[in-house]
Amino acid sequence: EIEARVLNPGFIARMTQQRPFVRLKMAMSLDGRT
């Protein structure tokens, strides 16, 4: 079940929490600058 849930985090969030699964992507330098 755990592996199955990992496949669909967004579908599960939308069905159970009425909002999307939010994934934040950031690119940075080694000193934390964007």
PDB file of all heavy atoms in Angstrom:
ATOM      1  N   GLU A   1       0.817  -1.217   0.000  1.00  0.00           N
ATOM      2  CA  GLU A   1       0.000   0.000   0.000  1.00  0.00           C
ATOM      3  C   GLU A   1       0.851   1.267   0.000  1.00  0.00           C
ATOM      4  O   GLU A   1       0.521   2.244  -0.681  1.00  0.00           O
ATOM      5  CB  GLU A   1      -0.935   0.008   1.205  1.00  0.00           C
ATOM      6  CG  GLU A   1      -1.808   1.260   1.262  1.00  0.00           C
ATOM      7  CD  GLU A   1      -2.789   1.256   2.410  1.00  0.00           C
ATOM      8  OE1 GLU A   1      -2.827   0.251   3.160  1.00  0.00           O
ATOM      9  OE2 GLU A   1      -3.514   2.248   2.570  1.00  0.00           O
ATOM     10  N   ILE A   2       1.928   1.278   0.761  1.00  0.00           N
ATOM     11  CA  ILE A   2       2.768   2.478   0.813  1.00  0.00           C
ATOM     12  C   ILE A   2       3.300   2.810  -0.572  1.00  0.00           C
ATOM     13  O   ILE A   2       3.268   3.973  -1.010  1.00  0.00           O
ATOM     14  CB  ILE A   2       3.921   2.280   1.816  1.00  0.00           C
ATOM     15  CG1 ILE A   2       3.374   2.185   3.244  1.00  0.00           C
ATOM     16  CG2 ILE A   2       4.925   3.428   1.714  1.00  0.00           C
ATOM     17  CD1 ILE A   2       4.425   1.864   4.290  1.00  0.00           C
ATOM     18  N   GLU A   3       3.783   1.801  -1.283  1.00  0.00           N
ATOM     19  CA  GLU A   3       4.307   2.018  -2.635  1.00  0.00           C
ATOM     20  C   GLU A   3       3.209   2.510  -3.576  1.00  0.00           C
ATOM     21  O   GLU A   3       3.452   3.355  -4.451  1.00  0.00           O
ATOM     22  CB  GLU A   3       4.916   0.725  -3.167  1.00  0.00           C
ATOM     23  CG  GLU A   3       6.196   0.303  -2.466  1.00  0.00           C
ATOM     24  CD  GLU A   3       5.967  -0.459  -1.163  1.00  0.00           C
ATOM     25  OE1 GLU A   3       4.805  -0.506  -0.686  1.00  0.00           O
ATOM     26  OE2 GLU A   3       6.943  -1.011  -0.636  1.00  0.00           O
ATOM     27  N   ALA A   4       2.005   1.994  -3.387  1.00  0.00           N
ATOM     28  CA  ALA A   4       0.889   2.430  -4.235  1.00  0.00           C
ATOM     29  C   ALA A   4       0.522   3.884  -3.957  1.00  0.00           C
ATOM     30  O   ALA A   4       0.190   4.638  -4.885  1.00  0.00           O
ATOM     31  CB  ALA A   4      -0.314   1.522  -4.007  1.00  0.00           C
ATOM     32  N   ARG A   5       0.570   4.289  -2.709  1.00  0.00           N
ATOM     33  CA  ARG A   5       0.231   5.665  -2.368  1.00  0.00           C
ATOM     34  C   ARG A   5       1.259   6.644  -2.934  1.00  0.00           C
ATOM     35  O   ARG A   5       0.904   7.763  -3.325  1.00  0.00           O
ATOM     36  CB  ARG A   5       0.115   5.821  -0.844  1.00  0.00           C
ATOM     37  CG  ARG A   5      -1.030   5.029  -0.231  1.00  0.00           C
ATOM     38  CD  ARG A   5      -1.106   5.219   1.283  1.00  0.00           C
ATOM     39  NE  ARG A   5      -1.571   6.557   1.605  1.00  0.00           N
ATOM     40  CZ  ARG A   5      -2.852   6.903   1.713  1.00  0.00           C
ATOM     41  NH1 ARG A   5      -3.811   6.007   1.502  1.00  0.00           N
ATOM     42  NH2 ARG A   5      -3.186   8.130   2.031  1.00  0.00           N
ATOM     43  N   VAL A   6       2.522   6.235  -2.971  1.00  0.00           N
ATOM     44  CA  VAL A   6       3.571   7.095  -3.518  1.00  0.00           C
ATOM     45  C   VAL A   6       3.304   7.414  -4.993  1.00  0.00           C
ATOM     46  O   VAL A   6       3.667   8.486  -5.479  1.00  0.00           O
ATOM     47  CB  VAL A   6       4.949   6.419  -3.341  1.00  0.00           C
ATOM     48  CG1 VAL A   6       6.028   7.127  -4.160  1.00  0.00           C
ATOM     49  CG2 VAL A   6       5.337   6.401  -1.871  1.00  0.00           C
ATOM     50  N   LEU A   7       2.650   6.517  -5.692  1.00  0.00           N
ATOM     51  CA  LEU A   7       2.345   6.725  -7.112  1.00  0.00           C
ATOM     52  C   LEU A   7       1.398   7.894  -7.343  1.00  0.00           C
ATOM     53  O   LEU A   7       1.457   8.550  -8.384  1.00  0.00           O
ATOM     54  CB  LEU A   7       1.702   5.463  -7.701  1.00  0.00           C
ATOM     55  CG  LEU A   7       2.597   4.393  -8.284  1.00  0.00           C
ATOM     56  CD1 LEU A   7       1.756   3.180  -8.652  1.00  0.00           C
ATOM     57  CD2 LEU A   7       3.342   4.919  -9.500  1.00  0.00           C
ATOM     58  N   ASN A   8       0.500   8.145  -6.383  1.00  0.00           N
ATOM     59  CA  ASN A   8      -0.584   9.097  -6.615  1.00  0.00           C
ATOM     60  C   ASN A   8      -0.767  10.089  -5.466  1.00  0.00           C
ATOM     61  O   ASN A   8      -1.874  10.235  -4.937  1.00  0.00           O
ATOM     62  CB  ASN A   8      -1.902   8.336  -6.847  1.00  0.00           C
ATOM     63  CG  ASN A   8      -1.897   7.544  -8.127  1.00  0.00           C
ATOM     64  OD1 ASN A   8      -1.800   8.107  -9.213  1.00  0.00           O
ATOM     65  ND2 ASN A   8      -2.009   6.222  -8.005  1.00  0.00           N
ATOM     66  N   PRO A   9       0.287  10.822  -5.081  1.00  0.00           N
ATOM     67  CA  PRO A   9       0.135  11.746  -3.949  1.00  0.00           C
ATOM     68  C   PRO A   9      -0.875  12.853  -4.222  1.00  0.00           C
ATOM     69  O   PRO A   9      -1.591  13.281  -3.317  1.00  0.00           O
ATOM     70  CB  PRO A   9       1.545  12.307  -3.763  1.00  0.00           C
ATOM     71  CG  PRO A   9       2.180  12.180  -5.113  1.00  0.00           C
ATOM     72  CD  PRO A   9       1.633  10.898  -5.670  1.00  0.00           C
ATOM     73  N   GLY A  10      -0.933  13.306  -5.466  1.00  0.00           N
ATOM     74  CA  GLY A  10      -1.842  14.392  -5.799  1.00  0.00           C
ATOM     75  C   GLY A  10      -3.295  13.957  -5.823  1.00  0.00           C
ATOM     76  O   GLY A  10      -4.172  14.663  -5.318  1.00  0.00           O
ATOM     77  N   PHE A  11      -3.567  12.814  -6.408  1.00  0.00           N
ATOM     78  CA  PHE A  11      -4.940  12.304  -6.448  1.00  0.00           C
ATOM     79  C   PHE A  11      -5.445  12.071  -5.030  1.00  0.00           C
ATOM     80  O   PHE A  11      -6.584  12.413  -4.691  1.00  0.00           O
ATOM     81  CB  PHE A  11      -4.994  11.013  -7.259  1.00  0.00           C
ATOM     82  CG  PHE A  11      -6.374  10.432  -7.403  1.00  0.00           C
ATOM     83  CD1 PHE A  11      -7.298  11.006  -8.262  1.00  0.00           C
ATOM     84  CD2 PHE A  11      -6.750   9.311  -6.673  1.00  0.00           C
ATOM     85  CE1 PHE A  11      -8.577  10.479  -8.387  1.00  0.00           C
ATOM     86  CE2 PHE A  11      -8.017   8.770  -6.794  1.00  0.00           C
ATOM     87  CZ  PHE A  11      -8.933   9.358  -7.660  1.00  0.00           C
ATOM     88  N   ILE A  12      -4.584  11.517  -4.178  1.00  0.00           N
ATOM     89  CA  ILE A  12      -4.979  11.270  -2.790  1.00  0.00           C
ATOM     90  C   ILE A  12      -5.248  12.590  -2.066  1.00  0.00           C
ATOM     91  O   ILE A  12      -6.240  12.730  -1.339  1.00  0.00           O
ATOM     92  CB  ILE A  12      -3.893  10.458  -2.065  1.00  0.00           C
ATOM     93  CG1 ILE A  12      -3.791   9.057  -2.674  1.00  0.00           C
ATOM     94  CG2 ILE A  12      -4.180  10.376  -0.565  1.00  0.00           C
ATOM     95  CD1 ILE A  12      -2.598   8.258  -2.186  1.00  0.00           C
ATOM     96  N   ALA A  13      -4.376  13.592  -2.262  1.00  0.00           N
ATOM     97  CA  ALA A  13      -4.568  14.891  -1.605  1.00  0.00           C
ATOM     98  C   ALA A  13      -5.867  15.548  -2.063  1.00  0.00           C
ATOM     99  O   ALA A  13      -6.605  16.114  -1.248  1.00  0.00           O
ATOM    100  CB  ALA A  13      -3.377  15.806  -1.891  1.00  0.00           C
ATOM    101  N   ARG A  14      -6.134  15.483  -3.367  1.00  0.00           N
ATOM    102  CA  ARG A  14      -7.353  16.119  -3.883  1.00  0.00           C
ATOM    103  C   ARG A  14      -8.601  15.433  -3.345  1.00  0.00           C
ATOM    104  O   ARG A  14      -9.604  16.092  -3.039  1.00  0.00           O
ATOM    105  CB  ARG A  14      -7.342  16.107  -5.415  1.00  0.00           C
ATOM    106  CG  ARG A  14      -8.570  16.757  -6.038  1.00  0.00           C
ATOM    107  CD  ARG A  14      -8.343  17.121  -7.490  1.00  0.00           C
ATOM    108  NE  ARG A  14      -8.157  15.968  -8.343  1.00  0.00           N
ATOM    109  CZ  ARG A  14      -9.143  15.301  -8.965  1.00  0.00           C
ATOM    110  NH1 ARG A  14     -10.406  15.674  -8.779  1.00  0.00           N
ATOM    111  NH2 ARG A  14      -8.875  14.277  -9.755  1.00  0.00           N
ATOM    112  N   MET A  15      -8.570  14.112  -3.217  1.00  0.00           N
ATOM    113  CA  MET A  15      -9.738  13.380  -2.736  1.00  0.00           C
ATOM    114  C   MET A  15      -9.952  13.534  -1.236  1.00  0.00           C
ATOM    115  O   MET A  15     -11.088  13.578  -0.760  1.00  0.00           O
ATOM    116  CB  MET A  15      -9.587  11.895  -3.076  1.00  0.00           C
ATOM    117  CG  MET A  15      -9.667  11.560  -4.557  1.00  0.00           C
ATOM    118  SD  MET A  15     -11.275  11.953  -5.307  1.00  0.00           S
ATOM    119  CE  MET A  15     -10.828  13.357  -6.323  1.00  0.00           C
ATOM    120  N   THR A  16      -8.870  13.604  -0.475  1.00  0.00           N
ATOM    121  CA  THR A  16      -8.999  13.591   0.987  1.00  0.00           C
ATOM    122  C   THR A  16      -8.872  14.960   1.636  1.00  0.00           C
ATOM    123  O   THR A  16      -9.423  15.188   2.723  1.00  0.00           O
ATOM    124  CB  THR A  16      -7.941  12.655   1.603  1.00  0.00           C
ATOM    125  OG1 THR A  16      -6.631  13.138   1.277  1.00  0.00           O
ATOM    126  CG2 THR A  16      -8.114  11.233   1.088  1.00  0.00           C
ATOM    127  N   GLN A  17      -8.135  15.884   0.985  1.00  0.00           N
ATOM    128  CA  GLN A  17      -7.922  17.205   1.570  1.00  0.00           C
ATOM    129  C   GLN A  17      -8.501  18.336   0.730  1.00  0.00           C
ATOM    130  O   GLN A  17      -8.423  19.503   1.112  1.00  0.00           O
ATOM    131  CB  GLN A  17      -6.422  17.454   1.760  1.00  0.00           C
ATOM    132  CG  GLN A  17      -5.735  16.441   2.646  1.00  0.00           C
ATOM    133  CD  GLN A  17      -4.241  16.704   2.750  1.00  0.00           C
ATOM    134  OE1 GLN A  17      -3.807  17.811   3.093  1.00  0.00           O
ATOM    135  NE2 GLN A  17      -3.435  15.703   2.439  1.00  0.00           N
ATOM    136  N   GLN A  18      -9.049  17.994  -0.423  1.00  0.00           N
ATOM    137  CA  GLN A  18      -9.634  18.977  -1.342  1.00  0.00           C
ATOM    138  C   GLN A  18      -8.635  20.053  -1.758  1.00  0.00           C
ATOM    139  O   GLN A  18      -8.954  21.231  -1.899  1.00  0.00           O
ATOM    140  CB  GLN A  18     -10.889  19.637  -0.723  1.00  0.00           C
ATOM    141  CG  GLN A  18     -12.062  18.694  -0.562  1.00  0.00           C
ATOM    142  CD  GLN A  18     -11.862  17.716   0.593  1.00  0.00           C
ATOM    143  OE1 GLN A  18     -11.607  18.134   1.729  1.00  0.00           O
ATOM    144  NE2 GLN A  18     -11.969  16.424   0.335  1.00  0.00           N
ATOM    145  N   ARG A  19      -7.402  19.631  -1.947  1.00  0.00           N
ATOM    146  CA  ARG A  19      -6.382  20.530  -2.474  1.00  0.00           C
ATOM    147  C   ARG A  19      -5.287  19.680  -3.118  1.00  0.00           C
ATOM    148  O   ARG A  19      -5.191  18.474  -2.874  1.00  0.00           O
ATOM    149  CB  ARG A  19      -5.833  21.446  -1.387  1.00  0.00           C
ATOM    150  CG  ARG A  19      -5.158  20.746  -0.208  1.00  0.00           C
ATOM    151  CD  ARG A  19      -3.671  20.737  -0.404  1.00  0.00           C
ATOM    152  NE  ARG A  19      -2.910  20.610   0.834  1.00  0.00           N
ATOM    153  CZ  ARG A  19      -1.590  20.474   0.883  1.00  0.00           C
ATOM    154  NH1 ARG A  19      -0.895  20.436  -0.237  1.00  0.00           N
ATOM    155  NH2 ARG A  19      -0.962  20.355   2.031  1.00  0.00           N
ATOM    156  N   PRO A  20      -4.446  20.270  -3.958  1.00  0.00           N
ATOM    157  CA  PRO A  20      -3.410  19.481  -4.622  1.00  0.00           C
ATOM    158  C   PRO A  20      -2.261  19.120  -3.676  1.00  0.00           C
ATOM    159  O   PRO A  20      -2.093  19.700  -2.608  1.00  0.00           O
ATOM    160  CB  PRO A  20      -2.902  20.414  -5.739  1.00  0.00           C
ATOM    161  CG  PRO A  20      -3.851  21.566  -5.781  1.00  0.00           C
ATOM    162  CD  PRO A  20      -4.462  21.662  -4.428  1.00  0.00           C
ATOM    163  N   PHE A  21      -1.452  18.158  -4.109  1.00  0.00           N
ATOM    164  CA  PHE A  21      -0.154  17.908  -3.511  1.00  0.00           C
ATOM    165  C   PHE A  21       0.788  18.974  -4.067  1.00  0.00           C
ATOM    166  O   PHE A  21       0.919  19.129  -5.279  1.00  0.00           O
ATOM    167  CB  PHE A  21       0.337  16.508  -3.892  1.00  0.00           C
ATOM    168  CG  PHE A  21       1.681  16.144  -3.338  1.00  0.00           C
ATOM    169  CD1 PHE A  21       1.798  15.515  -2.105  1.00  0.00           C
ATOM    170  CD2 PHE A  21       2.846  16.402  -4.053  1.00  0.00           C
ATOM    171  CE1 PHE A  21       3.045  15.161  -1.594  1.00  0.00           C
ATOM    172  CE2 PHE A  21       4.089  16.051  -3.562  1.00  0.00           C
ATOM    173  CZ  PHE A  21       4.182  15.425  -2.325  1.00  0.00           C
ATOM    174  N   VAL A  22       1.438  19.726  -3.188  1.00  0.00           N
ATOM    175  CA  VAL A  22       2.246  20.875  -3.603  1.00  0.00           C
ATOM    176  C   VAL A  22       3.725  20.506  -3.547  1.00  0.00           C
ATOM    177  O   VAL A  22       4.257  20.167  -2.491  1.00  0.00           O
ATOM    178  CB  VAL A  22       1.958  22.104  -2.715  1.00  0.00           C
ATOM    179  CG1 VAL A  22       2.864  23.269  -3.115  1.00  0.00           C
ATOM    180  CG2 VAL A  22       0.489  22.502  -2.829  1.00  0.00           C
ATOM    181  N   ARG A  23       4.360  20.598  -4.700  1.00  0.00           N
ATOM    182  CA  ARG A  23       5.793  20.298  -4.821  1.00  0.00           C
ATOM    183  C   ARG A  23       6.506  21.593  -5.213  1.00  0.00           C
ATOM    184  O   ARG A  23       6.216  22.184  -6.255  1.00  0.00           O
ATOM    185  CB  ARG A  23       6.002  19.207  -5.871  1.00  0.00           C
ATOM    186  CG  ARG A  23       7.447  18.789  -6.076  1.00  0.00           C
ATOM    187  CD  ARG A  23       7.541  17.670  -7.111  1.00  0.00           C
ATOM    188  NE  ARG A  23       7.072  16.392  -6.570  1.00  0.00           N
ATOM    189  CZ  ARG A  23       5.999  15.740  -7.012  1.00  0.00           C
ATOM    190  NH1 ARG A  23       5.256  16.247  -7.986  1.00  0.00           N
ATOM    191  NH2 ARG A  23       5.660  14.577  -6.484  1.00  0.00           N
ATOM    192  N   LEU A  24       7.433  22.039  -4.383  1.00  0.00           N
ATOM    193  CA  LEU A  24       8.156  23.284  -4.618  1.00  0.00           C
ATOM    194  C   LEU A  24       9.535  22.968  -5.175  1.00  0.00           C
ATOM    195  O   LEU A  24      10.323  22.268  -4.539  1.00  0.00           O
ATOM    196  CB  LEU A  24       8.276  24.073  -3.313  1.00  0.00           C
ATOM    197  CG  LEU A  24       9.119  25.350  -3.326  1.00  0.00           C
ATOM    198  CD1 LEU A  24       8.569  26.367  -4.310  1.00  0.00           C
ATOM    199  CD2 LEU A  24       9.197  25.949  -1.916  1.00  0.00           C
ATOM    200  N   LYS A  25       9.816  23.485  -6.374  1.00  0.00           N
ATOM    201  CA  LYS A  25      11.116  23.282  -7.012  1.00  0.00           C
ATOM    202  C   LYS A  25      11.909  24.569  -6.966  1.00  0.00           C
ATOM    203  O   LYS A  25      11.419  25.629  -7.322  1.00  0.00           O
ATOM    204  CB  LYS A  25      10.914  22.837  -8.468  1.00  0.00           C
ATOM    205  CG  LYS A  25      12.205  22.466  -9.202  1.00  0.00           C
ATOM    206  CD  LYS A  25      12.999  23.653  -9.755  1.00  0.00           C
ATOM    207  CE  LYS A  25      12.244  24.465 -10.777  1.00  0.00           C
ATOM    208  NZ  LYS A  25      13.130  25.582 -11.313  1.00  0.00           N
ATOM    209  N   MET A  26      13.157  24.486  -6.504  1.00  0.00           N
ATOM    210  CA  MET A  26      14.035  25.649  -6.482  1.00  0.00           C
ATOM    211  C   MET A  26      15.422  25.228  -6.952  1.00  0.00           C
ATOM    212  O   MET A  26      15.874  24.112  -6.692  1.00  0.00           O
ATOM    213  CB  MET A  26      14.129  26.234  -5.067  1.00  0.00           C
ATOM    214  CG  MET A  26      12.802  26.647  -4.446  1.00  0.00           C
ATOM    215  SD  MET A  26      12.050  28.075  -5.234  1.00  0.00           S
ATOM    216  CE  MET A  26      13.007  29.413  -4.513  1.00  0.00           C
ATOM    217  N   ALA A  27      16.096  26.125  -7.663  1.00  0.00           N
ATOM    218  CA  ALA A  27      17.488  25.911  -8.066  1.00  0.00           C
ATOM    219  C   ALA A  27      18.344  26.956  -7.359  1.00  0.00           C
ATOM    220  O   ALA A  27      17.974  28.139  -7.303  1.00  0.00           O
ATOM    221  CB  ALA A  27      17.634  26.031  -9.579  1.00  0.00           C
ATOM    222  N   MET A  28      19.483  26.534  -6.830  1.00  0.00           N
ATOM    223  CA  MET A  28      20.293  27.471  -6.059  1.00  0.00           C
ATOM    224  C   MET A  28      21.774  27.165  -6.208  1.00  0.00           C
ATOM    225  O   MET A  28      22.182  26.063  -6.598  1.00  0.00           O
ATOM    226  CB  MET A  28      19.903  27.417  -4.589  1.00  0.00           C
ATOM    227  CG  MET A  28      20.204  26.105  -3.904  1.00  0.00           C
ATOM    228  SD  MET A  28      19.760  26.181  -2.143  1.00  0.00           S
ATOM    229  CE  MET A  28      20.230  24.544  -1.594  1.00  0.00           C
ATOM    230  N   SER A  29      22.560  28.155  -5.868  1.00  0.00           N
ATOM    231  CA  SER A  29      24.002  27.985  -5.809  1.00  0.00           C
ATOM    232  C   SER A  29      24.381  27.329  -4.491  1.00  0.00           C
ATOM    233  O   SER A  29      23.541  27.160  -3.600  1.00  0.00           O
ATOM    234  CB  SER A  29      24.685  29.344  -5.930  1.00  0.00           C
ATOM    235  OG  SER A  29      24.296  30.172  -4.839  1.00  0.00           O
ATOM    236  N   LEU A  30      25.639  26.996  -4.347  1.00  0.00           N
ATOM    237  CA  LEU A  30      26.092  26.349  -3.123  1.00  0.00           C
ATOM    238  C   LEU A  30      25.961  27.276  -1.920  1.00  0.00           C
ATOM    239  O   LEU A  30      25.848  26.810  -0.779  1.00  0.00           O
ATOM    240  CB  LEU A  30      27.551  25.894  -3.285  1.00  0.00           C
ATOM    241  CG  LEU A  30      28.041  24.763  -2.379  1.00  0.00           C
ATOM    242  CD1 LEU A  30      27.175  23.513  -2.541  1.00  0.00           C
ATOM    243  CD2 LEU A  30      29.499  24.438  -2.673  1.00  0.00           C
ATOM    244  N   ASP A  31      25.950  28.577  -2.147  1.00  0.00           N
ATOM    245  CA  ASP A  31      25.751  29.524  -1.049  1.00  0.00           C
ATOM    246  C   ASP A  31      24.291  29.966  -0.924  1.00  0.00           C
ATOM    247  O   ASP A  31      23.989  31.005  -0.340  1.00  0.00           O
ATOM    248  CB  ASP A  31      26.692  30.732  -1.162  1.00  0.00           C
ATOM    249  CG  ASP A  31      26.614  31.438  -2.516  1.00  0.00           C
ATOM    250  OD1 ASP A  31      26.008  30.862  -3.448  1.00  0.00           O
ATOM    251  OD2 ASP A  31      27.157  32.550  -2.637  1.00  0.00           O
ATOM    252  N   GLY A  32      23.370  29.165  -1.465  1.00  0.00           N
ATOM    253  CA  GLY A  32      21.946  29.374  -1.227  1.00  0.00           C
ATOM    254  C   GLY A  32      21.331  30.537  -1.960  1.00  0.00           C
ATOM    255  O   GLY A  32      20.346  31.120  -1.491  1.00  0.00           O
ATOM    256  N   ARG A  33      21.844  30.872  -3.134  1.00  0.00           N
ATOM    257  CA  ARG A  33      21.313  31.993  -3.904  1.00  0.00           C
ATOM    258  C   ARG A  33      20.647  31.496  -5.191  1.00  0.00           C
ATOM    259  O   ARG A  33      21.079  30.504  -5.788  1.00  0.00           O
ATOM    260  CB  ARG A  33      22.438  32.974  -4.244  1.00  0.00           C
ATOM    261  CG  ARG A  33      23.157  33.503  -3.007  1.00  0.00           C
ATOM    262  CD  ARG A  33      22.264  34.422  -2.198  1.00  0.00           C
ATOM    263  NE  ARG A  33      22.805  34.722  -0.882  1.00  0.00           N
ATOM    264  CZ  ARG A  33      22.364  35.707  -0.099  1.00  0.00           C
ATOM    265  NH1 ARG A  33      21.388  36.480  -0.531  1.00  0.00           N
ATOM    266  NH2 ARG A  33      22.885  35.908   1.080  1.00  0.00           N
ATOM    267  N   THR A  34      19.607  32.214  -5.618  1.00  0.00           N
ATOM    268  CA  THR A  34      18.824  31.766  -6.771  1.00  0.00           C
ATOM    269  C   THR A  34      19.005  32.641  -8.008  1.00  0.00           C
ATOM    270  O   THR A  34      18.624  32.240  -9.103  1.00  0.00           O
ATOM    271  CB  THR A  34      17.326  31.742  -6.428  1.00  0.00           C
ATOM    272  OG1 THR A  34      16.885  33.070  -6.097  1.00  0.00           O
ATOM    273  CG2 THR A  34      17.063  30.821  -5.255  1.00  0.00           C
TER     274      THR A  34
END
